[in-house]
Each structure stands twice: as C-alpha cells, then as structure tokens.
C-alpha atoms as a PDB file:
ATOM      1  CA  UNK A   1      37.368  -5.062   3.184  1.00  0.00           C
ATOM      2  CA  UNK A   2      39.309  -8.832   2.177  1.00  0.00           C
ATOM      3  CA  UNK A   3      39.483 -11.002  -0.430  1.00  0.00           C
ATOM      4  CA  UNK A   4      37.003 -13.164   1.116  1.00  0.00           C
ATOM      5  CA  UNK A   5      34.292 -10.827   2.272  1.00  0.00           C
ATOM      6  CA  UNK A   6      34.287  -8.978  -1.280  1.00  0.00           C
ATOM      7  CA  UNK A   7      33.506 -12.414  -2.947  1.00  0.00           C
ATOM      8  CA  UNK A   8      31.052 -13.323  -0.779  1.00  0.00           C
ATOM      9  CA  UNK A   9      29.194 -10.040  -1.413  1.00  0.00           C
ATOM     10  CA  UNK A  10      30.225 -11.048  -5.309  1.00  0.00           C
ATOM     11  CA  UNK A  11      28.293 -14.547  -4.747  1.00  0.00           C
ATOM     12  CA  UNK A  12      25.550 -12.762  -2.421  1.00  0.00           C
ATOM     13  CA  UNK A  13      24.669 -10.054  -5.597  1.00  0.00           C
ATOM     14  CA  UNK A  14      25.449 -12.644  -8.686  1.00  0.00           C
ATOM     15  CA  UNK A  15      23.548 -15.928  -6.634  1.00  0.00           C
ATOM     16  CA  UNK A  16      20.625 -17.260  -7.838  1.00  0.00           C
ATOM     17  CA  UNK A  17      17.531 -17.182  -5.518  1.00  0.00           C
ATOM     18  CA  UNK A  18      14.764 -19.768  -4.966  1.00  0.00           C
ATOM     19  CA  UNK A  19      11.843 -19.113  -6.833  1.00  0.00           C
ATOM     20  CA  UNK A  20       8.605 -18.377  -4.779  1.00  0.00           C
ATOM     21  CA  UNK A  21       5.508 -20.253  -5.096  1.00  0.00           C
ATOM     22  CA  UNK A  22       3.176 -19.117  -7.836  1.00  0.00           C
ATOM     23  CA  UNK A  23       0.065 -18.510  -5.249  1.00  0.00           C
ATOM     24  CA  UNK A  24       2.512 -15.338  -4.009  1.00  0.00           C
ATOM     25  CA  UNK A  25       3.574 -13.872  -7.169  1.00  0.00           C
ATOM     26  CA  UNK A  26      -0.237 -14.127  -7.444  1.00  0.00           C
ATOM     27  CA  UNK A  27      -0.848 -11.984  -3.684  1.00  0.00           C
ATOM     28  CA  UNK A  28       2.234  -9.648  -4.585  1.00  0.00           C
ATOM     29  CA  UNK A  29       0.189  -8.860  -7.745  1.00  0.00           C
ATOM     30  CA  UNK A  30      -2.891  -8.463  -6.008  1.00  0.00           C
ATOM     31  CA  UNK A  31      -1.705  -6.314  -3.455  1.00  0.00           C
ATOM     32  CA  UNK A  32       0.188  -4.407  -5.925  1.00  0.00           C
ATOM     33  CA  UNK A  33      -3.073  -3.587  -7.375  1.00  0.00           C
ATOM     34  CA  UNK A  34      -4.563  -2.912  -4.385  1.00  0.00           C
ATOM     35  CA  UNK A  35      -2.329   0.211  -3.779  1.00  0.00           C
ATOM     36  CA  UNK A  36      -2.969   1.380  -7.627  1.00  0.00           C
ATOM     37  CA  UNK A  37      -6.420   0.945  -8.196  1.00  0.00           C
ATOM     38  CA  UNK A  38      -8.520   2.920  -4.994  1.00  0.00           C
ATOM     39  CA  UNK A  39      -8.093   6.381  -5.057  1.00  0.00           C
ATOM     40  CA  UNK A  40      -7.141   7.750  -2.077  1.00  0.00           C
ATOM     41  CA  UNK A  41      -4.373   4.800  -1.510  1.00  0.00           C
ATOM     42  CA  UNK A  42      -3.105   5.819  -4.924  1.00  0.00           C
ATOM     43  CA  UNK A  43      -2.426   9.223  -3.389  1.00  0.00           C
ATOM     44  CA  UNK A  44       0.030   7.834  -0.758  1.00  0.00           C
ATOM     45  CA  UNK A  45       1.449   5.521  -3.142  1.00  0.00           C
ATOM     46  CA  UNK A  46       2.253   7.244  -6.531  1.00  0.00           C
ATOM     47  CA  UNK A  47       4.752   8.955  -4.549  1.00  0.00           C
ATOM     48  CA  UNK A  48       6.771   5.868  -5.575  1.00  0.00           C
ATOM     49  CA  UNK A  49       5.905   6.237  -9.192  1.00  0.00           C
ATOM     50  CA  UNK A  50       6.865   9.752  -9.400  1.00  0.00           C
ATOM     51  CA  UNK A  51      10.188   8.874  -8.253  1.00  0.00           C
ATOM     52  CA  UNK A  52      10.800   6.349 -10.866  1.00  0.00           C
ATOM     53  CA  UNK A  53       8.696   9.052 -13.277  1.00  0.00           C
ATOM     54  CA  UNK A  54      11.514  12.081 -12.502  1.00  0.00           C
ATOM     55  CA  UNK A  55      14.462   9.776 -12.156  1.00  0.00           C
ATOM     56  CA  UNK A  56      14.080   8.677 -15.889  1.00  0.00           C
ATOM     57  CA  UNK A  57      14.104  11.948 -16.994  1.00  0.00           C
ATOM     58  CA  UNK A  58      17.296  12.553 -14.985  1.00  0.00           C
ATOM     59  CA  UNK A  59      18.690   8.845 -16.031  1.00  0.00           C
ATOM     60  CA  UNK A  60      17.885  10.011 -20.132  1.00  0.00           C
ATOM     61  CA  UNK A  61      19.502  13.952 -18.894  1.00  0.00           C
ATOM     62  CA  UNK A  62      22.715  12.794 -18.255  1.00  0.00           C
ATOM     63  CA  UNK A  63      22.788   9.983 -20.806  1.00  0.00           C
ATOM     64  CA  UNK A  64      22.462  12.236 -23.901  1.00  0.00           C
ATOM     65  CA  UNK A  65      24.615  14.480 -22.210  1.00  0.00           C
ATOM     66  CA  UNK A  66      22.693  17.229 -20.768  1.00  0.00           C
ATOM     67  CA  UNK A  67      23.991  18.497 -17.488  1.00  0.00           C
ATOM     68  CA  UNK A  68      21.165  17.517 -14.654  1.00  0.00           C
ATOM     69  CA  UNK A  69      20.559  20.649 -12.310  1.00  0.00           C
ATOM     70  CA  UNK A  70      18.236  18.945  -9.803  1.00  0.00           C
ATOM     71  CA  UNK A  71      15.240  16.946  -9.193  1.00  0.00           C
ATOM     72  CA  UNK A  72      12.474  17.733  -7.003  1.00  0.00           C
ATOM     73  CA  UNK A  73       9.553  16.044  -5.744  1.00  0.00           C
ATOM     74  CA  UNK A  74       6.331  17.099  -4.036  1.00  0.00           C
ATOM     75  CA  UNK A  75       4.063  16.232  -1.424  1.00  0.00           C
ATOM     76  CA  UNK A  76       1.236  16.273  -4.528  1.00  0.00           C
ATOM     77  CA  UNK A  77       3.283  13.455  -6.454  1.00  0.00           C
ATOM     78  CA  UNK A  78       3.881  16.085  -9.185  1.00  0.00           C
ATOM     79  CA  UNK A  79       7.711  16.819  -9.688  1.00  0.00           C
ATOM     80  CA  UNK A  80      10.044  18.396 -11.959  1.00  0.00           C
ATOM     81  CA  UNK A  81      13.374  17.528 -13.199  1.00  0.00           C
ATOM     82  CA  UNK A  82      15.628  20.282 -14.382  1.00  0.00           C
ATOM     83  CA  UNK A  83      18.601  19.637 -16.979  1.00  0.00           C
ATOM     84  CA  UNK A  84      20.848  21.995 -18.848  1.00  0.00           C
ATOM     85  CA  UNK A  85      22.251  22.042 -22.815  1.00  0.00           C
ATOM     86  CA  UNK A  86      20.403  22.110 -25.743  1.00  0.00           C
ATOM     87  CA  UNK A  87      16.889  23.072 -25.785  1.00  0.00           C
ATOM     88  CA  UNK A  88      15.894  20.751 -28.696  1.00  0.00           C
ATOM     89  CA  UNK A  89      17.145  17.306 -30.689  1.00  0.00           C
ATOM     90  CA  UNK A  90      16.905  14.294 -29.909  1.00  0.00           C
ATOM     91  CA  UNK A  91      18.437  14.769 -25.950  1.00  0.00           C
ATOM     92  CA  UNK A  92      15.758  16.544 -25.036  1.00  0.00           C
ATOM     93  CA  UNK A  93      13.077  14.304 -27.046  1.00  0.00           C
ATOM     94  CA  UNK A  94      14.730  11.243 -24.769  1.00  0.00           C
ATOM     95  CA  UNK A  95      14.610  13.395 -21.691  1.00  0.00           C
ATOM     96  CA  UNK A  96      10.884  14.603 -22.074  1.00  0.00           C
ATOM     97  CA  UNK A  97       9.775  10.808 -23.328  1.00  0.00           C
ATOM     98  CA  UNK A  98      11.493   8.824 -20.525  1.00  0.00           C
ATOM     99  CA  UNK A  99       8.984  10.179 -17.651  1.00  0.00           C
ATOM    100  CA  UNK A 100       5.986   8.441 -17.958  1.00  0.00           C
ATOM    101  CA  UNK A 101       7.613   5.429 -19.642  1.00  0.00           C
ATOM    102  CA  UNK A 102      10.057   5.173 -16.783  1.00  0.00           C
ATOM    103  CA  UNK A 103       8.215   3.174 -14.121  1.00  0.00           C
ATOM    104  CA  UNK A 104       6.685   0.649 -16.695  1.00  0.00           C
ATOM    105  CA  UNK A 105      10.745  -0.637 -17.967  1.00  0.00           C
ATOM    106  CA  UNK A 106      12.074  -0.247 -14.838  1.00  0.00           C
ATOM    107  CA  UNK A 107       9.262  -3.098 -13.746  1.00  0.00           C
ATOM    108  CA  UNK A 108       9.829  -4.941 -17.255  1.00  0.00           C
ATOM    109  CA  UNK A 109      13.611  -5.089 -16.271  1.00  0.00           C
ATOM    110  CA  UNK A 110      12.752  -6.271 -12.782  1.00  0.00           C
ATOM    111  CA  UNK A 111      10.877  -8.823 -13.840  1.00  0.00           C
ATOM    112  CA  UNK A 112      13.518  -9.811 -16.510  1.00  0.00           C
ATOM    113  CA  UNK A 113      15.726 -10.411 -13.332  1.00  0.00           C
ATOM    114  CA  UNK A 114      12.823 -11.921 -10.928  1.00  0.00           C
ATOM    115  CA  UNK A 115      12.732 -14.183 -13.718  1.00  0.00           C
ATOM    116  CA  UNK A 116      15.773 -15.407 -13.624  1.00  0.00           C
ATOM    117  CA  UNK A 117      15.614 -15.270 -10.159  1.00  0.00           C
ATOM    118  CA  UNK A 118      18.014 -12.641  -9.704  1.00  0.00           C
ATOM    119  CA  UNK A 119      16.336 -11.267  -6.349  1.00  0.00           C
ATOM    120  CA  UNK A 120      19.341  -9.630  -4.398  1.00  0.00           C
ATOM    121  CA  UNK A 121      20.521  -8.316  -7.956  1.00  0.00           C
ATOM    122  CA  UNK A 122      17.487  -6.400  -8.319  1.00  0.00           C
ATOM    123  CA  UNK A 123      17.032  -5.304  -4.534  1.00  0.00           C
ATOM    124  CA  UNK A 124      20.689  -4.113  -4.734  1.00  0.00           C
ATOM    125  CA  UNK A 125      20.271  -2.524  -7.932  1.00  0.00           C
ATOM    126  CA  UNK A 126      17.481  -0.426  -7.417  1.00  0.00           C
ATOM    127  CA  UNK A 127      19.273   0.432  -3.797  1.00  0.00           C
ATOM    128  CA  UNK A 128      21.993   2.000  -5.887  1.00  0.00           C
ATOM    129  CA  UNK A 129      19.327   4.263  -8.677  1.00  0.00           C
ATOM    130  CA  UNK A 130      17.910   5.610  -5.386  1.00  0.00           C
ATOM    131  CA  UNK A 131      21.241   6.762  -3.962  1.00  0.00           C
ATOM    132  CA  UNK A 132      22.092   7.611  -7.848  1.00  0.00           C
ATOM    133  CA  UNK A 133      19.164   9.831  -7.724  1.00  0.00           C
ATOM    134  CA  UNK A 134      19.676  11.192  -4.157  1.00  0.00           C
ATOM    135  CA  UNK A 135      22.279  13.725  -4.636  1.00  0.00           C
ATOM    136  CA  UNK A 136      20.148  15.181  -7.160  1.00  0.00           C
ATOM    137  CA  UNK A 137      17.296  16.055  -4.886  1.00  0.00           C
ATOM    138  CA  UNK A 138      16.628  20.081  -4.200  1.00  0.00           C
ATOM    139  CA  UNK A 139      13.785  19.847  -2.148  1.00  0.00           C
ATOM    140  CA  UNK A 140      13.134  18.543   1.775  1.00  0.00           C
ATOM    141  CA  UNK A 141      10.084  16.270   0.808  1.00  0.00           C
ATOM    142  CA  UNK A 142      11.917  14.965  -1.948  1.00  0.00           C
ATOM    143  CA  UNK A 143      15.196  13.921   0.250  1.00  0.00           C
ATOM    144  CA  UNK A 144      12.415  12.560   2.669  1.00  0.00           C
ATOM    145  CA  UNK A 145      10.784  10.419   0.241  1.00  0.00           C
ATOM    146  CA  UNK A 146      13.999   8.732  -1.136  1.00  0.00           C
ATOM    147  CA  UNK A 147      15.208   8.428   1.916  1.00  0.00           C
ATOM    148  CA  UNK A 148      13.082   6.824   2.846  1.00  0.00           C
ATOM    149  CA  UNK A 149      12.120   4.800   0.105  1.00  0.00           C
ATOM    150  CA  UNK A 150      16.293   3.976  -0.461  1.00  0.00           C
ATOM    151  CA  UNK A 151      15.853   2.869   4.039  1.00  0.00           C
ATOM    152  CA  UNK A 152      13.345   0.252   2.967  1.00  0.00           C
ATOM    153  CA  UNK A 153      15.294  -1.536  -0.005  1.00  0.00           C
ATOM    154  CA  UNK A 154      18.417  -2.093   2.366  1.00  0.00           C
ATOM    155  CA  UNK A 155      16.975  -2.900   5.217  1.00  0.00           C
ATOM    156  CA  UNK A 156      15.026  -5.549   2.999  1.00  0.00           C
ATOM    157  CA  UNK A 157      17.964  -6.256   1.178  1.00  0.00           C
ATOM    158  CA  UNK A 158      20.092  -6.939   4.005  1.00  0.00           C
ATOM    159  CA  UNK A 159      18.315  -8.001   7.062  1.00  0.00           C
ATOM    160  CA  UNK A 160      15.204  -9.781   6.010  1.00  0.00           C
ATOM    161  CA  UNK A 161      15.530 -13.164   4.874  1.00  0.00           C
ATOM    162  CA  UNK A 162      15.473 -14.352   1.260  1.00  0.00           C
ATOM    163  CA  UNK A 163      11.667 -15.372   1.791  1.00  0.00           C
ATOM    164  CA  UNK A 164      10.500 -11.553   2.303  1.00  0.00           C
ATOM    165  CA  UNK A 165      12.941 -11.085   0.069  1.00  0.00           C
ATOM    166  CA  UNK A 166      11.375 -12.489  -2.936  1.00  0.00           C
ATOM    167  CA  UNK A 167       7.693 -11.040  -1.315  1.00  0.00           C
ATOM    168  CA  UNK A 168       9.170  -7.498  -1.587  1.00  0.00           C
ATOM    169  CA  UNK A 169      10.973  -7.598  -5.053  1.00  0.00           C
ATOM    170  CA  UNK A 170       7.850  -9.586  -6.700  1.00  0.00           C
ATOM    171  CA  UNK A 171       5.349  -6.883  -4.843  1.00  0.00           C
ATOM    172  CA  UNK A 172       7.860  -3.960  -6.094  1.00  0.00           C
ATOM    173  CA  UNK A 173       7.984  -5.204  -9.778  1.00  0.00           C
ATOM    174  CA  UNK A 174       4.249  -5.695 -10.043  1.00  0.00           C
ATOM    175  CA  UNK A 175       3.431  -2.338  -8.726  1.00  0.00           C
ATOM    176  CA  UNK A 176       5.844  -0.017 -10.916  1.00  0.00           C
ATOM    177  CA  UNK A 177       4.243  -2.407 -13.919  1.00  0.00           C
ATOM    178  CA  UNK A 178       0.694  -1.358 -12.496  1.00  0.00           C
ATOM    179  CA  UNK A 179       1.351   1.501 -11.315  1.00  0.00           C
ATOM    180  CA  UNK A 180       3.096   2.913 -14.882  1.00  0.00           C
ATOM    181  CA  UNK A 181      -0.304   2.299 -16.254  1.00  0.00           C
ATOM    182  CA  UNK A 182      -2.565   4.992 -14.219  1.00  0.00           C
ATOM    183  CA  UNK A 183      -0.993   8.105 -14.515  1.00  0.00           C
ATOM    184  CA  UNK A 184      -1.504   7.797 -18.221  1.00  0.00           C
ATOM    185  CA  UNK A 185      -5.087   8.080 -18.160  1.00  0.00           C
ATOM    186  CA  UNK A 186      -4.803  10.361 -16.043  1.00  0.00           C
ATOM    187  CA  UNK A 187      -2.811  12.915 -18.690  1.00  0.00           C
ATOM    188  CA  UNK A 188      -4.887  11.381 -20.880  1.00  0.00           C
ATOM    189  CA  UNK A 189      -7.879  12.839 -18.741  1.00  0.00           C
ATOM    190  CA  UNK A 190      -6.182  16.194 -17.846  1.00  0.00           C
ATOM    191  CA  UNK A 191      -6.124  17.113 -21.489  1.00  0.00           C
ATOM    192  CA  UNK A 192      -9.235  15.631 -22.586  1.00  0.00           C
ATOM    193  CA  UNK A 193     -10.195  18.507 -19.638  1.00  0.00           C
ATOM    194  CA  UNK A 194      -8.019  21.371 -21.060  1.00  0.00           C
ATOM    195  CA  UNK A 195      -5.345  20.601 -18.254  1.00  0.00           C
ATOM    196  CA  UNK A 196      -2.059  20.028 -18.466  1.00  0.00           C
ATOM    197  CA  UNK A 197      -0.509  21.895 -21.585  1.00  0.00           C
ATOM    198  CA  UNK A 198       2.960  21.834 -20.680  1.00  0.00           C
ATOM    199  CA  UNK A 199       2.931  17.837 -19.860  1.00  0.00           C
ATOM    200  CA  UNK A 200       5.260  15.564 -21.178  1.00  0.00           C
ATOM    201  CA  UNK A 201       3.666  14.698 -24.173  1.00  0.00           C
ATOM    202  CA  UNK A 202       2.656  18.759 -25.497  1.00  0.00           C
ATOM    203  CA  UNK A 203       6.730  19.275 -24.994  1.00  0.00           C
ATOM    204  CA  UNK A 204       7.424  16.063 -27.127  1.00  0.00           C
ATOM    205  CA  UNK A 205       4.212  17.331 -29.337  1.00  0.00           C
ATOM    206  CA  UNK A 206       5.906  20.961 -29.807  1.00  0.00           C
ATOM    207  CA  UNK A 207       9.688  19.801 -29.820  1.00  0.00           C
ATOM    208  CA  UNK A 208       8.760  17.023 -32.877  1.00  0.00           C
ATOM    209  CA  UNK A 209       5.850  18.782 -34.211  1.00  0.00           C
ATOM    210  CA  UNK A 210       4.320  15.328 -34.181  1.00  0.00           C
ATOM    211  CA  UNK A 211       1.014  15.340 -32.000  1.00  0.00           C
ATOM    212  CA  UNK A 212       0.536  15.307 -28.425  1.00  0.00           C
ATOM    213  CA  UNK A 213      -1.833  12.306 -29.057  1.00  0.00           C
ATOM    214  CA  UNK A 214       0.779  10.313 -30.825  1.00  0.00           C
ATOM    215  CA  UNK A 215       3.271  10.690 -28.070  1.00  0.00           C
ATOM    216  CA  UNK A 216       0.305   9.483 -25.371  1.00  0.00           C
ATOM    217  CA  UNK A 217      -1.000   6.683 -27.553  1.00  0.00           C
ATOM    218  CA  UNK A 218       3.384   5.770 -27.712  1.00  0.00           C
ATOM    219  CA  UNK A 219       3.196   6.388 -23.109  1.00  0.00           C
ATOM    220  CA  UNK A 220      -0.070   4.241 -23.682  1.00  0.00           C
ATOM    221  CA  UNK A 221       1.457   1.366 -25.645  1.00  0.00           C
ATOM    222  CA  UNK A 222       4.666   1.032 -23.765  1.00  0.00           C
ATOM    223  CA  UNK A 223       2.545   0.726 -20.485  1.00  0.00           C
ATOM    224  CA  UNK A 224       0.571  -1.914 -21.832  1.00  0.00           C
ATOM    225  CA  UNK A 225       3.116  -3.963 -23.107  1.00  0.00           C
ATOM    226  CA  UNK A 226       5.613  -4.004 -20.220  1.00  0.00           C
ATOM    227  CA  UNK A 227       2.294  -4.997 -18.266  1.00  0.00           C
ATOM    228  CA  UNK A 228       1.588  -7.579 -20.585  1.00  0.00           C
ATOM    229  CA  UNK A 229       5.457  -8.629 -21.036  1.00  0.00           C
ATOM    230  CA  UNK A 230       6.434  -8.150 -17.504  1.00  0.00           C
ATOM    231  CA  UNK A 231       3.433  -9.859 -15.906  1.00  0.00           C
ATOM    232  CA  UNK A 232       3.927 -13.636 -18.268  1.00  0.00           C
ATOM    233  CA  UNK A 233       7.809 -13.151 -16.781  1.00  0.00           C
ATOM    234  CA  UNK A 234       6.265 -13.240 -12.797  1.00  0.00           C
ATOM    235  CA  UNK A 235       3.990 -15.887 -13.840  1.00  0.00           C
ATOM    236  CA  UNK A 236       5.896 -18.072 -15.364  1.00  0.00           C
ATOM    237  CA  UNK A 237       4.265 -18.272 -18.443  1.00  0.00           C
END
C-alpha cells in the first residue's frame, strides 16, 4: 500500500461526516425500539446484545491481566466467556461486572462519536472489535453470528453511500442503548422467581460480599444513564 493510499484511508477514518437530519435520527431510534420491545423480534435481535455482553467480559479479562480462553454464543441468546487467572480480586470483579454494562457503555461511546460526526470511525472501530472477538469464538453458532454481524459492518462501511452509513450507525447505537436496558430487567425478573442463581450479579455478590441486588441496581443505573446521556447526544440536546 503506497503512501497516497495510506493517507487516503487515514483521512477517511478521521474525517468528519455530515450530520443526518433530526427526523432520520428519530426514525432510527424508533426502528431500534421496534427491535427491542416486541418479544418475537427481541428473541432474534438479542443475539447482538449477547455479542456485546460477552465481548465486554472478554475485553475486561484481557485488560486486567487474565487469560481469555474462549467465548461461546448460543442460539437461545445466552453466552459464556471463560478466562483463567486468580478467582478473586479486582480483575475478576471487573470482568464479571463488564457483561451487563458493556452494551450500554458501547452505545454511549458510539453516541459520543456520532455527536462528533465521526460516523466512519465508529463503523471501523466496531468492525475491529468484532474481528478481535472472532478469534476467541469457540463454537459454530457463535462463529456464524459474529461473522454475519462483522460482514454487515464491513459492507456498510466500505460499499454503502454516506447516507446509508449514517442510518446504519445511528440505528446500531440506538439499539445498543435501548437493548442494554432490557436484559437487566429480564435478569431482575428471573431472580425474583428464583432463577439465574449463577448470574453475573450473584457472582459479584459472592466475590465482593455486596448483595447481588446492589449490583443489579448498578446495572440498571449504567443502562438508564447511558440511554439518557447517549440519547441526548444523538438528538443534539
């Protein structure tokens, strides 16, 4: 790759793209809401939230010095991330806490990039994260899910016109912000009926001796604050 091509790619990556019309931002938000609220649609779209959830576990495991052994994504939208290292301590706590907070925080970061009109940077960063996650997937369904998701980002970021890129980027960020809220309520409902005894909140309770309910409230706070803050950025408020 010559210097001219490299410079062109760098300019494309760091350049500022036009801001879409406000009505388009609202429509992408409504489309994301339609992918989260109806249960039949959610049973499919939740796979994308699971990717972010397990990716959050994996990223924090690596950042805290743990060894990431693999990630599995299942057709029932559940997932598991296996890492090796000290079974207690800050690294394990941060790794366990990263799952339910990851989709919302990714959405918040994406909203920050979109508010700065960095649409291309957002799409390429998401593609890079998916590619990094791909090498840690350890089952066929997870591989298929991540490949299809990554392919969508690659096709849009490289082949689609700027208007389509903007619609796609805003829809993805809205979906992460809205989709990060529902799993916490689902976990709360399961725990109310005696389910999910080994949930992230319960594991954190055993690790920190802080009640699992407190961790559940933290997940709620992160999800709702990210939705409010990210939504304000997306709407230009």
